[in-house]
């Protein structure tokens, strides 16, 4: 058994070394990608038009979410038979129980 362990030692060590090199390269790529993302985010923050566009997008999203979940929209959906969640009620969206 000791002979097998001795044969696996150098090969195993080489594999560990290669694996470590790959992980280091991947980590460097991840860091570079994060830097690029942060640079783009910084540019977006500096550009007031981008900030205004993002603010408008979030405002519109909030309004739509509020209108879909308001008691009035649920009552209206109940009256006309629709479902504000987009479910058709035909069973195509999965079993209901």
C-alpha atoms as a PDB file:
ATOM      1  CA  UNK A   1       0.000   0.000   0.000  1.00  0.00           C
ATOM      2  CA  UNK A   2       2.853   2.369   0.726  1.00  0.00           C
ATOM      3  CA  UNK A   3       4.077   1.916  -2.845  1.00  0.00           C
ATOM      4  CA  UNK A   4       0.752   3.147  -4.227  1.00  0.00           C
ATOM      5  CA  UNK A   5       0.829   6.193  -1.978  1.00  0.00           C
ATOM      6  CA  UNK A   6       4.364   6.955  -3.112  1.00  0.00           C
ATOM      7  CA  UNK A   7       3.346   6.783  -6.788  1.00  0.00           C
ATOM      8  CA  UNK A   8       0.348   9.019  -6.223  1.00  0.00           C
ATOM      9  CA  UNK A   9       2.357  11.603  -4.249  1.00  0.00           C
ATOM     10  CA  UNK A  10       4.157  13.439  -7.084  1.00  0.00           C
ATOM     11  CA  UNK A  11       1.222  13.105  -9.474  1.00  0.00           C
ATOM     12  CA  UNK A  12      -1.207  14.272  -6.803  1.00  0.00           C
ATOM     13  CA  UNK A  13       1.067  17.178  -5.933  1.00  0.00           C
ATOM     14  CA  UNK A  14       1.214  18.176  -9.612  1.00  0.00           C
ATOM     15  CA  UNK A  15      -2.590  18.071  -9.837  1.00  0.00           C
ATOM     16  CA  UNK A  16      -2.935  20.201  -6.728  1.00  0.00           C
ATOM     17  CA  UNK A  17      -0.454  22.674  -8.161  1.00  0.00           C
ATOM     18  CA  UNK A  18      -2.288  22.824 -11.502  1.00  0.00           C
ATOM     19  CA  UNK A  19      -5.621  23.197  -9.733  1.00  0.00           C
ATOM     20  CA  UNK A  20      -4.245  26.035  -7.641  1.00  0.00           C
ATOM     21  CA  UNK A  21      -2.959  27.785 -10.772  1.00  0.00           C
ATOM     22  CA  UNK A  22      -6.384  27.510 -12.400  1.00  0.00           C
ATOM     23  CA  UNK A  23      -8.103  28.856  -9.296  1.00  0.00           C
ATOM     24  CA  UNK A  24      -5.666  31.764  -9.122  1.00  0.00           C
ATOM     25  CA  UNK A  25      -6.270  32.591 -12.782  1.00  0.00           C
ATOM     26  CA  UNK A  26     -10.026  32.445 -12.242  1.00  0.00           C
ATOM     27  CA  UNK A  27      -9.722  34.681  -9.190  1.00  0.00           C
ATOM     28  CA  UNK A  28      -7.713  37.212 -11.219  1.00  0.00           C
ATOM     29  CA  UNK A  29     -10.389  37.199 -13.934  1.00  0.00           C
ATOM     30  CA  UNK A  30     -13.102  37.673 -11.335  1.00  0.00           C
ATOM     31  CA  UNK A  31     -11.238  40.611  -9.813  1.00  0.00           C
ATOM     32  CA  UNK A  32     -10.764  42.178 -13.258  1.00  0.00           C
ATOM     33  CA  UNK A  33     -14.476  41.746 -14.004  1.00  0.00           C
ATOM     34  CA  UNK A  34     -15.405  43.293 -10.661  1.00  0.00           C
ATOM     35  CA  UNK A  35     -13.133  46.263 -11.374  1.00  0.00           C
ATOM     36  CA  UNK A  36     -14.769  46.759 -14.771  1.00  0.00           C
ATOM     37  CA  UNK A  37     -18.209  46.580 -13.205  1.00  0.00           C
ATOM     38  CA  UNK A  38     -17.254  49.092 -10.514  1.00  0.00           C
ATOM     39  CA  UNK A  39     -15.781  51.436 -13.139  1.00  0.00           C
ATOM     40  CA  UNK A  40     -19.031  51.274 -15.106  1.00  0.00           C
ATOM     41  CA  UNK A  41     -21.059  51.846 -11.937  1.00  0.00           C
ATOM     42  CA  UNK A  42     -18.894  54.837 -11.062  1.00  0.00           C
ATOM     43  CA  UNK A  43     -19.385  56.295 -14.549  1.00  0.00           C
ATOM     44  CA  UNK A  44     -23.143  55.786 -14.234  1.00  0.00           C
ATOM     45  CA  UNK A  45     -23.214  57.551 -10.877  1.00  0.00           C
ATOM     46  CA  UNK A  46     -21.246  60.476 -12.275  1.00  0.00           C
ATOM     47  CA  UNK A  47     -23.668  60.872 -15.209  1.00  0.00           C
ATOM     48  CA  UNK A  48     -26.774  62.633 -13.896  1.00  0.00           C
ATOM     49  CA  UNK A  49     -28.863  61.442 -16.868  1.00  0.00           C
ATOM     50  CA  UNK A  50     -28.234  57.830 -15.940  1.00  0.00           C
ATOM     51  CA  UNK A  51     -29.196  58.522 -12.325  1.00  0.00           C
ATOM     52  CA  UNK A  52     -32.400  60.212 -13.487  1.00  0.00           C
ATOM     53  CA  UNK A  53     -33.212  57.305 -15.816  1.00  0.00           C
ATOM     54  CA  UNK A  54     -32.641  54.751 -13.060  1.00  0.00           C
ATOM     55  CA  UNK A  55     -34.761  56.821 -10.678  1.00  0.00           C
ATOM     56  CA  UNK A  56     -37.554  56.991 -13.249  1.00  0.00           C
ATOM     57  CA  UNK A  57     -37.337  53.259 -13.861  1.00  0.00           C
ATOM     58  CA  UNK A  58     -37.576  52.500 -10.143  1.00  0.00           C
ATOM     59  CA  UNK A  59     -40.464  54.959  -9.747  1.00  0.00           C
ATOM     60  CA  UNK A  60     -42.389  53.318 -12.616  1.00  0.00           C
ATOM     61  CA  UNK A  61     -41.670  49.856 -11.244  1.00  0.00           C
ATOM     62  CA  UNK A  62     -42.952  50.926  -7.831  1.00  0.00           C
ATOM     63  CA  UNK A  63     -46.129  52.346  -9.329  1.00  0.00           C
ATOM     64  CA  UNK A  64     -46.809  49.203 -11.337  1.00  0.00           C
ATOM     65  CA  UNK A  65     -46.165  46.959  -8.360  1.00  0.00           C
ATOM     66  CA  UNK A  66     -48.402  49.067  -6.154  1.00  0.00           C
ATOM     67  CA  UNK A  67     -51.196  49.127  -8.712  1.00  0.00           C
ATOM     68  CA  UNK A  68     -51.024  45.338  -9.204  1.00  0.00           C
ATOM     69  CA  UNK A  69     -51.192  44.633  -5.485  1.00  0.00           C
ATOM     70  CA  UNK A  70     -53.695  47.292  -4.452  1.00  0.00           C
ATOM     71  CA  UNK A  71     -57.062  46.163  -3.063  1.00  0.00           C
ATOM     72  CA  UNK A  72     -58.803  48.044  -5.885  1.00  0.00           C
ATOM     73  CA  UNK A  73     -56.977  46.098  -8.598  1.00  0.00           C
ATOM     74  CA  UNK A  74     -57.744  42.790  -6.879  1.00  0.00           C
ATOM     75  CA  UNK A  75     -61.439  43.698  -6.622  1.00  0.00           C
ATOM     76  CA  UNK A  76     -61.513  44.746 -10.267  1.00  0.00           C
ATOM     77  CA  UNK A  77     -59.778  41.539 -11.315  1.00  0.00           C
ATOM     78  CA  UNK A  78     -62.260  39.517  -9.298  1.00  0.00           C
ATOM     79  CA  UNK A  79     -65.197  41.313 -10.964  1.00  0.00           C
ATOM     80  CA  UNK A  80     -63.973  40.763 -14.521  1.00  0.00           C
ATOM     81  CA  UNK A  81     -62.665  37.239 -13.853  1.00  0.00           C
ATOM     82  CA  UNK A  82     -59.008  38.003 -14.515  1.00  0.00           C
ATOM     83  CA  UNK A  83     -56.144  37.326 -12.191  1.00  0.00           C
ATOM     84  CA  UNK A  84     -53.622  40.160 -11.650  1.00  0.00           C
ATOM     85  CA  UNK A  85     -50.867  37.586 -11.196  1.00  0.00           C
ATOM     86  CA  UNK A  86     -51.259  36.543 -14.823  1.00  0.00           C
ATOM     87  CA  UNK A  87     -52.671  33.077 -14.070  1.00  0.00           C
ATOM     88  CA  UNK A  88     -55.266  32.121 -16.637  1.00  0.00           C
ATOM     89  CA  UNK A  89     -57.177  29.740 -14.425  1.00  0.00           C
ATOM     90  CA  UNK A  90     -57.127  27.090 -17.158  1.00  0.00           C
ATOM     91  CA  UNK A  91     -54.756  24.845 -15.235  1.00  0.00           C
ATOM     92  CA  UNK A  92     -51.884  25.577 -17.636  1.00  0.00           C
ATOM     93  CA  UNK A  93     -49.924  27.266 -14.875  1.00  0.00           C
ATOM     94  CA  UNK A  94     -49.879  24.164 -12.722  1.00  0.00           C
ATOM     95  CA  UNK A  95     -52.116  22.303 -10.313  1.00  0.00           C
ATOM     96  CA  UNK A  96     -53.868  24.383  -7.709  1.00  0.00           C
ATOM     97  CA  UNK A  97     -53.802  22.065  -4.791  1.00  0.00           C
END
